[in-house]
């Protein structure tokens, strides 16, 4: 039942711009699945759905192309609009965003597959980026600063 429900959720968000959990709950109910808000939240988290794109709709993780835009271009736009500050400590890079924007920006960052990024971790307003060494962290900071300015 859970697998079928989650497959239906993915199908819905791939074909409809879903901007809220309530909208998604109504759509999934119309597909024959009556779920609570708590179950839907858990499904969204387990599926890795993030809000993003120009319309602010839920999107599956790892979409390389949305509305004709590449992952790097999407990341650059998200970075320009959501980034507040960049800090670096050794091989770690810390990005500060507005409250609630870190996860969507992190998903866009992961989708962009930047060469100096080994891994990422996102909270509500903070993203931790791990790079192989301090030199590549400095390079990444410069690149992120340039990308956020355009």
N, C-alpha and C. Protein backbone atom coordinates (compact mmCIF):
# COMPACT_ATOMS: atom_id res chain seq x y z
N UNK A 1 0.82 -1.20 0.00
CA UNK A 1 0.00 0.00 0.00
C UNK A 1 0.87 1.26 0.00
N UNK A 2 1.89 1.28 0.87
CA UNK A 2 2.76 2.44 0.96
C UNK A 2 3.50 2.68 -0.35
N UNK A 3 4.04 1.65 -0.94
CA UNK A 3 4.78 1.79 -2.19
C UNK A 3 3.87 2.31 -3.31
N UNK A 4 2.65 1.79 -3.38
CA UNK A 4 1.71 2.27 -4.41
C UNK A 4 1.35 3.73 -4.17
N UNK A 5 1.13 4.10 -2.89
CA UNK A 5 0.79 5.48 -2.56
C UNK A 5 1.94 6.41 -2.94
N UNK A 6 3.16 6.02 -2.59
CA UNK A 6 4.30 6.88 -2.90
C UNK A 6 4.55 6.96 -4.41
N UNK A 7 4.28 5.90 -5.12
CA UNK A 7 4.38 5.95 -6.59
C UNK A 7 3.34 6.92 -7.15
N UNK A 8 2.14 6.89 -6.58
CA UNK A 8 1.10 7.82 -7.02
C UNK A 8 1.49 9.27 -6.71
N UNK A 9 2.09 9.49 -5.56
CA UNK A 9 2.54 10.85 -5.20
C UNK A 9 3.57 11.35 -6.20
N UNK A 10 4.55 10.51 -6.52
CA UNK A 10 5.57 10.91 -7.50
C UNK A 10 4.95 11.21 -8.86
N UNK A 11 3.99 10.40 -9.27
CA UNK A 11 3.31 10.62 -10.54
C UNK A 11 2.59 11.97 -10.54
N UNK A 12 1.93 12.28 -9.44
CA UNK A 12 1.19 13.54 -9.34
C UNK A 12 2.14 14.74 -9.43
N UNK A 13 3.22 14.73 -8.65
CA UNK A 13 4.11 15.90 -8.64
C UNK A 13 4.89 16.04 -9.94
N UNK A 14 5.03 14.95 -10.68
CA UNK A 14 5.71 15.05 -11.98
C UNK A 14 4.80 15.67 -13.04
N UNK A 15 3.48 15.55 -12.86
CA UNK A 15 2.55 16.01 -13.89
C UNK A 15 1.73 17.23 -13.51
N UNK A 16 1.72 17.60 -12.24
CA UNK A 16 0.93 18.76 -11.78
C UNK A 16 1.80 19.65 -10.91
N UNK A 17 1.68 20.97 -11.01
CA UNK A 17 2.40 21.86 -10.09
C UNK A 17 1.71 21.87 -8.72
N UNK A 18 2.21 21.09 -7.79
CA UNK A 18 1.64 20.97 -6.45
C UNK A 18 2.42 21.88 -5.52
N UNK A 19 1.76 22.88 -4.95
CA UNK A 19 2.44 23.88 -4.13
C UNK A 19 2.20 23.74 -2.63
N UNK A 20 1.31 22.84 -2.21
CA UNK A 20 1.05 22.67 -0.77
C UNK A 20 0.73 21.22 -0.47
N UNK A 21 0.92 20.85 0.80
CA UNK A 21 0.58 19.49 1.21
C UNK A 21 -0.91 19.24 1.09
N UNK A 22 -1.72 20.25 1.40
CA UNK A 22 -3.16 20.07 1.31
C UNK A 22 -3.59 19.82 -0.14
N UNK A 23 -3.00 20.54 -1.07
CA UNK A 23 -3.30 20.32 -2.48
C UNK A 23 -2.89 18.89 -2.87
N UNK A 24 -1.73 18.44 -2.40
CA UNK A 24 -1.28 17.09 -2.69
C UNK A 24 -2.19 16.06 -2.03
N UNK A 25 -2.62 16.32 -0.79
CA UNK A 25 -3.50 15.40 -0.09
C UNK A 25 -4.81 15.21 -0.85
N UNK A 26 -5.36 16.30 -1.38
CA UNK A 26 -6.61 16.21 -2.15
C UNK A 26 -6.40 15.44 -3.46
N UNK A 27 -5.26 15.66 -4.10
CA UNK A 27 -4.98 14.95 -5.35
C UNK A 27 -4.77 13.45 -5.10
N UNK A 28 -4.06 13.12 -4.03
CA UNK A 28 -3.82 11.71 -3.74
C UNK A 28 -5.11 11.03 -3.30
N UNK A 29 -6.00 11.79 -2.63
CA UNK A 29 -7.30 11.25 -2.24
C UNK A 29 -8.13 10.92 -3.48
N UNK A 30 -8.07 11.81 -4.48
CA UNK A 30 -8.79 11.58 -5.74
C UNK A 30 -8.26 10.34 -6.46
N UNK A 31 -7.00 9.95 -6.16
CA UNK A 31 -6.40 8.75 -6.75
C UNK A 31 -6.72 7.50 -5.95
N UNK A 32 -7.50 7.66 -4.87
CA UNK A 32 -7.92 6.49 -4.10
C UNK A 32 -7.16 6.24 -2.81
N UNK A 33 -6.34 7.19 -2.38
CA UNK A 33 -5.58 7.04 -1.14
C UNK A 33 -5.99 8.12 -0.15
N UNK A 34 -6.65 7.73 0.93
CA UNK A 34 -7.06 8.67 1.96
C UNK A 34 -5.98 8.69 3.04
N UNK A 35 -5.16 9.75 3.07
CA UNK A 35 -4.03 9.81 4.01
C UNK A 35 -4.17 10.99 4.95
N UNK A 36 -3.56 10.87 6.11
CA UNK A 36 -3.51 11.97 7.05
C UNK A 36 -2.36 12.90 6.67
N UNK A 37 -2.36 14.08 7.24
CA UNK A 37 -1.30 15.04 6.98
C UNK A 37 0.05 14.48 7.46
N UNK A 38 0.05 13.78 8.60
CA UNK A 38 1.29 13.21 9.13
C UNK A 38 1.87 12.16 8.19
N UNK A 39 1.01 11.30 7.65
CA UNK A 39 1.47 10.28 6.70
C UNK A 39 2.01 10.93 5.43
N UNK A 40 1.32 11.95 4.95
CA UNK A 40 1.76 12.64 3.74
C UNK A 40 3.11 13.32 3.98
N UNK A 41 3.28 13.95 5.13
CA UNK A 41 4.57 14.58 5.46
C UNK A 41 5.69 13.55 5.47
N UNK A 42 5.42 12.40 6.04
CA UNK A 42 6.41 11.33 6.08
C UNK A 42 6.74 10.85 4.66
N UNK A 43 5.71 10.70 3.82
CA UNK A 43 5.94 10.29 2.43
C UNK A 43 6.79 11.32 1.69
N UNK A 44 6.48 12.59 1.88
CA UNK A 44 7.24 13.66 1.22
C UNK A 44 8.70 13.59 1.62
N UNK A 45 8.95 13.40 2.92
CA UNK A 45 10.32 13.32 3.42
C UNK A 45 11.02 12.07 2.87
N UNK A 46 10.35 10.92 2.91
CA UNK A 46 10.96 9.68 2.43
C UNK A 46 11.24 9.71 0.94
N UNK A 47 10.40 10.37 0.18
CA UNK A 47 10.59 10.47 -1.27
C UNK A 47 11.61 11.53 -1.65
N UNK A 48 11.98 12.38 -0.69
CA UNK A 48 12.95 13.44 -0.96
C UNK A 48 12.39 14.57 -1.79
N UNK A 49 11.08 14.77 -1.74
CA UNK A 49 10.48 15.86 -2.51
C UNK A 49 10.91 17.19 -1.92
N UNK A 50 11.18 18.14 -2.78
CA UNK A 50 11.55 19.49 -2.34
C UNK A 50 10.73 20.50 -3.12
N UNK A 51 10.53 21.64 -2.51
CA UNK A 51 9.87 22.73 -3.22
C UNK A 51 10.93 23.51 -3.96
N UNK A 52 10.64 23.86 -5.19
CA UNK A 52 11.63 24.60 -5.97
C UNK A 52 11.08 25.00 -7.31
N UNK A 53 11.99 25.45 -8.16
CA UNK A 53 11.59 25.90 -9.48
C UNK A 53 10.92 27.26 -9.43
N UNK A 54 10.60 27.77 -10.57
CA UNK A 54 10.00 29.10 -10.67
C UNK A 54 8.61 29.14 -10.05
N UNK A 55 7.89 28.00 -10.07
CA UNK A 55 6.53 27.99 -9.56
C UNK A 55 6.42 27.56 -8.09
N UNK A 56 7.54 27.21 -7.45
CA UNK A 56 7.53 26.82 -6.04
C UNK A 56 6.81 25.51 -5.77
N UNK A 57 6.72 24.65 -6.76
CA UNK A 57 6.00 23.38 -6.62
C UNK A 57 6.94 22.28 -6.13
N UNK A 58 6.35 21.22 -5.57
CA UNK A 58 7.13 20.06 -5.16
C UNK A 58 7.78 19.42 -6.38
N UNK A 59 9.02 18.98 -6.19
CA UNK A 59 9.76 18.32 -7.25
C UNK A 59 10.48 17.11 -6.70
N UNK A 60 10.58 16.05 -7.48
CA UNK A 60 11.37 14.91 -7.04
C UNK A 60 12.85 15.28 -6.98
N UNK A 61 13.63 14.64 -6.13
CA UNK A 61 15.06 14.97 -6.06
C UNK A 61 15.78 14.53 -7.32
N UNK A 62 16.88 15.20 -7.62
CA UNK A 62 17.73 14.79 -8.71
C UNK A 62 17.20 15.03 -10.10
N UNK A 63 16.20 15.88 -10.24
CA UNK A 63 15.74 16.19 -11.60
C UNK A 63 16.80 17.01 -12.29
N UNK A 64 17.29 16.49 -13.37
CA UNK A 64 18.37 17.18 -14.07
C UNK A 64 17.83 18.37 -14.85
N UNK A 65 16.63 18.25 -15.34
CA UNK A 65 16.08 19.32 -16.16
C UNK A 65 14.62 19.56 -15.78
N UNK A 66 14.27 20.81 -15.56
CA UNK A 66 12.90 21.19 -15.24
C UNK A 66 12.56 22.40 -16.09
N UNK A 67 11.49 22.31 -16.85
CA UNK A 67 11.06 23.41 -17.71
C UNK A 67 12.18 23.88 -18.63
N UNK A 68 12.99 22.96 -19.13
CA UNK A 68 14.02 23.31 -20.09
C UNK A 68 15.27 23.91 -19.49
N UNK A 69 15.41 23.95 -18.17
CA UNK A 69 16.57 24.55 -17.53
C UNK A 69 17.47 23.46 -16.96
N UNK A 70 18.77 23.64 -17.08
CA UNK A 70 19.70 22.66 -16.54
C UNK A 70 19.78 22.79 -15.03
N UNK A 71 20.30 21.75 -14.38
CA UNK A 71 20.44 21.73 -12.93
C UNK A 71 21.36 22.85 -12.46
N UNK A 72 22.44 23.11 -13.19
CA UNK A 72 23.37 24.18 -12.77
C UNK A 72 22.71 25.55 -12.87
N UNK A 73 21.94 25.77 -13.92
CA UNK A 73 21.24 27.06 -14.06
C UNK A 73 20.20 27.22 -12.96
N UNK A 74 19.50 26.14 -12.62
CA UNK A 74 18.53 26.20 -11.54
C UNK A 74 19.22 26.50 -10.21
N UNK A 75 20.37 25.86 -9.98
CA UNK A 75 21.13 26.11 -8.76
C UNK A 75 21.59 27.55 -8.69
N UNK A 76 22.07 28.07 -9.81
CA UNK A 76 22.56 29.45 -9.83
C UNK A 76 21.44 30.43 -9.49
N UNK A 77 20.24 30.23 -10.04
CA UNK A 77 19.10 31.09 -9.72
C UNK A 77 18.71 30.97 -8.25
N UNK A 78 18.68 29.74 -7.76
CA UNK A 78 18.33 29.52 -6.35
C UNK A 78 19.37 30.15 -5.44
N UNK A 79 20.62 30.02 -5.79
CA UNK A 79 21.71 30.60 -5.00
C UNK A 79 21.58 32.12 -4.95
N UNK A 80 21.33 32.73 -6.10
CA UNK A 80 21.21 34.19 -6.16
C UNK A 80 20.04 34.71 -5.31
N UNK A 81 18.98 33.94 -5.24
CA UNK A 81 17.81 34.42 -4.50
C UNK A 81 17.77 33.99 -3.04
N UNK A 82 18.44 32.90 -2.68
CA UNK A 82 18.28 32.36 -1.33
C UNK A 82 19.51 32.49 -0.43
N UNK A 83 20.69 32.68 -1.00
CA UNK A 83 21.91 32.73 -0.21
C UNK A 83 22.01 34.04 0.56
N UNK A 84 22.36 33.93 1.84
CA UNK A 84 22.55 35.11 2.69
C UNK A 84 24.02 35.33 3.04
N UNK A 85 24.77 34.22 3.24
CA UNK A 85 26.18 34.34 3.66
C UNK A 85 26.92 33.04 3.36
N UNK A 86 28.22 33.17 3.11
CA UNK A 86 29.10 32.01 2.91
C UNK A 86 30.25 32.12 3.90
N UNK A 87 30.54 31.04 4.61
CA UNK A 87 31.69 30.97 5.50
C UNK A 87 32.47 29.70 5.18
N UNK A 88 33.78 29.73 5.48
CA UNK A 88 34.61 28.56 5.25
C UNK A 88 35.49 28.31 6.46
N UNK A 89 35.58 27.05 6.87
CA UNK A 89 36.50 26.61 7.92
C UNK A 89 37.20 25.37 7.38
N UNK A 90 38.49 25.51 7.11
CA UNK A 90 39.26 24.41 6.53
C UNK A 90 38.58 23.89 5.26
N UNK A 91 38.23 22.60 5.22
CA UNK A 91 37.59 22.04 4.02
C UNK A 91 36.07 22.08 4.09
N UNK A 92 35.50 22.78 5.07
CA UNK A 92 34.06 22.87 5.22
C UNK A 92 33.56 24.24 4.76
N UNK A 93 32.46 24.25 4.03
CA UNK A 93 31.85 25.50 3.57
C UNK A 93 30.44 25.53 4.14
N UNK A 94 30.09 26.67 4.75
CA UNK A 94 28.78 26.82 5.37
C UNK A 94 28.00 27.90 4.62
N UNK A 95 26.81 27.53 4.13
CA UNK A 95 25.93 28.48 3.46
C UNK A 95 24.76 28.80 4.38
N UNK A 96 24.47 30.08 4.56
CA UNK A 96 23.30 30.51 5.34
C UNK A 96 22.25 31.02 4.36
N UNK A 97 21.00 30.57 4.59
CA UNK A 97 19.88 30.97 3.74
C UNK A 97 18.80 31.58 4.62
N UNK A 98 17.72 32.00 4.00
CA UNK A 98 16.55 32.39 4.76
C UNK A 98 15.93 31.16 5.39
N UNK A 99 15.17 31.35 6.44
CA UNK A 99 14.55 30.24 7.15
C UNK A 99 13.67 29.43 6.20
N UNK A 100 13.90 28.12 6.17
CA UNK A 100 13.11 27.21 5.35
C UNK A 100 13.61 27.04 3.93
N UNK A 101 14.72 27.68 3.57
CA UNK A 101 15.21 27.60 2.19
C UNK A 101 16.41 26.67 2.01
N UNK A 102 17.00 26.21 3.10
CA UNK A 102 18.24 25.43 2.99
C UNK A 102 18.03 24.11 2.26
N UNK A 103 16.94 23.41 2.53
CA UNK A 103 16.76 22.10 1.91
C UNK A 103 16.56 22.19 0.41
N UNK A 104 15.80 23.16 -0.05
CA UNK A 104 15.60 23.28 -1.50
C UNK A 104 16.89 23.74 -2.18
N UNK A 105 17.63 24.65 -1.55
CA UNK A 105 18.90 25.09 -2.13
C UNK A 105 19.89 23.93 -2.14
N UNK A 106 19.90 23.13 -1.08
CA UNK A 106 20.81 21.98 -1.01
C UNK A 106 20.46 20.95 -2.10
N UNK A 107 19.18 20.73 -2.32
CA UNK A 107 18.78 19.80 -3.38
C UNK A 107 19.24 20.32 -4.74
N UNK A 108 19.14 21.62 -4.96
CA UNK A 108 19.62 22.21 -6.21
C UNK A 108 21.14 22.09 -6.32
N UNK A 109 21.83 22.30 -5.21
CA UNK A 109 23.29 22.15 -5.16
C UNK A 109 23.69 20.72 -5.50
N UNK A 110 23.02 19.75 -4.89
CA UNK A 110 23.32 18.34 -5.18
C UNK A 110 23.06 18.02 -6.65
N UNK A 111 21.98 18.57 -7.20
CA UNK A 111 21.65 18.33 -8.61
C UNK A 111 22.65 18.94 -9.56
N UNK A 112 23.30 20.03 -9.14
CA UNK A 112 24.28 20.71 -10.00
C UNK A 112 25.59 19.92 -10.10
N UNK A 113 25.82 19.01 -9.17
CA UNK A 113 27.00 18.14 -9.20
C UNK A 113 28.30 18.91 -9.41
N UNK A 114 28.54 19.89 -8.54
CA UNK A 114 29.77 20.67 -8.61
C UNK A 114 30.96 19.78 -8.27
N UNK A 115 32.09 19.94 -8.97
CA UNK A 115 33.21 19.01 -8.84
C UNK A 115 33.89 19.00 -7.47
N UNK A 116 33.90 20.10 -6.73
CA UNK A 116 34.61 20.15 -5.46
C UNK A 116 33.76 19.72 -4.26
N UNK A 117 32.51 19.33 -4.50
CA UNK A 117 31.61 18.96 -3.42
C UNK A 117 31.66 17.45 -3.19
N UNK A 118 32.05 17.05 -1.97
CA UNK A 118 32.07 15.63 -1.60
C UNK A 118 30.71 15.24 -1.04
N UNK A 119 30.12 16.14 -0.24
CA UNK A 119 28.82 15.85 0.36
C UNK A 119 28.19 17.10 0.93
N UNK A 120 26.89 17.02 1.22
CA UNK A 120 26.15 18.15 1.77
C UNK A 120 25.23 17.68 2.88
N UNK A 121 24.85 18.63 3.72
CA UNK A 121 23.89 18.38 4.79
C UNK A 121 23.11 19.68 5.01
N UNK A 122 21.78 19.60 5.02
CA UNK A 122 20.96 20.80 5.14
C UNK A 122 20.07 20.76 6.37
N UNK A 123 19.91 21.92 6.99
CA UNK A 123 18.95 22.11 8.06
C UNK A 123 17.86 23.03 7.57
N UNK A 124 17.36 23.90 8.42
CA UNK A 124 16.31 24.84 8.04
C UNK A 124 16.86 26.06 7.32
N UNK A 125 18.01 26.57 7.79
CA UNK A 125 18.58 27.78 7.19
C UNK A 125 20.09 27.67 6.98
N UNK A 126 20.63 26.46 7.07
CA UNK A 126 22.07 26.26 6.97
C UNK A 126 22.38 25.02 6.14
N UNK A 127 23.39 25.16 5.28
CA UNK A 127 23.88 24.02 4.49
C UNK A 127 25.35 23.84 4.80
N UNK A 128 25.75 22.63 5.12
CA UNK A 128 27.14 22.29 5.31
C UNK A 128 27.62 21.56 4.07
N UNK A 129 28.68 22.06 3.46
CA UNK A 129 29.28 21.43 2.28
C UNK A 129 30.66 20.93 2.68
N UNK A 130 30.93 19.69 2.35
CA UNK A 130 32.23 19.09 2.65
C UNK A 130 33.00 18.97 1.34
N UNK A 131 34.23 19.48 1.35
CA UNK A 131 35.10 19.40 0.18
C UNK A 131 36.32 18.55 0.56
N UNK A 132 37.11 18.10 -0.42
CA UNK A 132 38.24 17.23 -0.11
C UNK A 132 39.34 17.90 0.72
N UNK A 133 39.55 19.20 0.53
CA UNK A 133 40.62 19.89 1.25
C UNK A 133 40.36 21.39 1.28
N UNK A 134 41.18 22.11 2.03
CA UNK A 134 40.99 23.56 2.22
C UNK A 134 41.15 24.33 0.91
N UNK A 135 42.08 23.91 0.06
CA UNK A 135 42.29 24.61 -1.22
C UNK A 135 41.04 24.54 -2.09
N UNK A 136 40.45 23.37 -2.17
CA UNK A 136 39.25 23.22 -3.00
C UNK A 136 38.04 23.90 -2.35
N UNK A 137 38.05 24.01 -1.03
CA UNK A 137 36.98 24.76 -0.35
C UNK A 137 37.07 26.23 -0.73
N UNK A 138 38.29 26.79 -0.77
CA UNK A 138 38.46 28.19 -1.20
C UNK A 138 37.98 28.39 -2.63
N UNK A 139 38.33 27.44 -3.50
CA UNK A 139 37.89 27.50 -4.90
C UNK A 139 36.36 27.46 -4.98
N UNK A 140 35.75 26.60 -4.20
CA UNK A 140 34.30 26.49 -4.20
C UNK A 140 33.65 27.77 -3.70
N UNK A 141 34.19 28.37 -2.65
CA UNK A 141 33.64 29.62 -2.12
C UNK A 141 33.67 30.70 -3.20
N UNK A 142 34.80 30.83 -3.90
CA UNK A 142 34.89 31.82 -4.99
C UNK A 142 33.84 31.55 -6.06
N UNK A 143 33.70 30.30 -6.43
CA UNK A 143 32.73 29.93 -7.46
C UNK A 143 31.30 30.25 -7.01
N UNK A 144 30.97 29.92 -5.77
CA UNK A 144 29.64 30.19 -5.25
C UNK A 144 29.37 31.70 -5.16
N UNK A 145 30.38 32.45 -4.76
CA UNK A 145 30.22 33.91 -4.70
C UNK A 145 29.97 34.48 -6.09
N UNK A 146 30.71 34.00 -7.09
CA UNK A 146 30.50 34.46 -8.46
C UNK A 146 29.10 34.08 -8.96
N UNK A 147 28.69 32.85 -8.69
CA UNK A 147 27.38 32.38 -9.15
C UNK A 147 26.24 33.15 -8.49
N UNK A 148 26.43 33.55 -7.24
CA UNK A 148 25.36 34.25 -6.53
C UNK A 148 25.22 35.70 -6.98
N UNK A 149 26.22 36.23 -7.65
CA UNK A 149 26.19 37.62 -8.11
C UNK A 149 25.50 37.79 -9.46
N UNK A 150 25.34 36.70 -10.20
CA UNK A 150 24.76 36.82 -11.55
C UNK A 150 23.30 36.48 -11.58
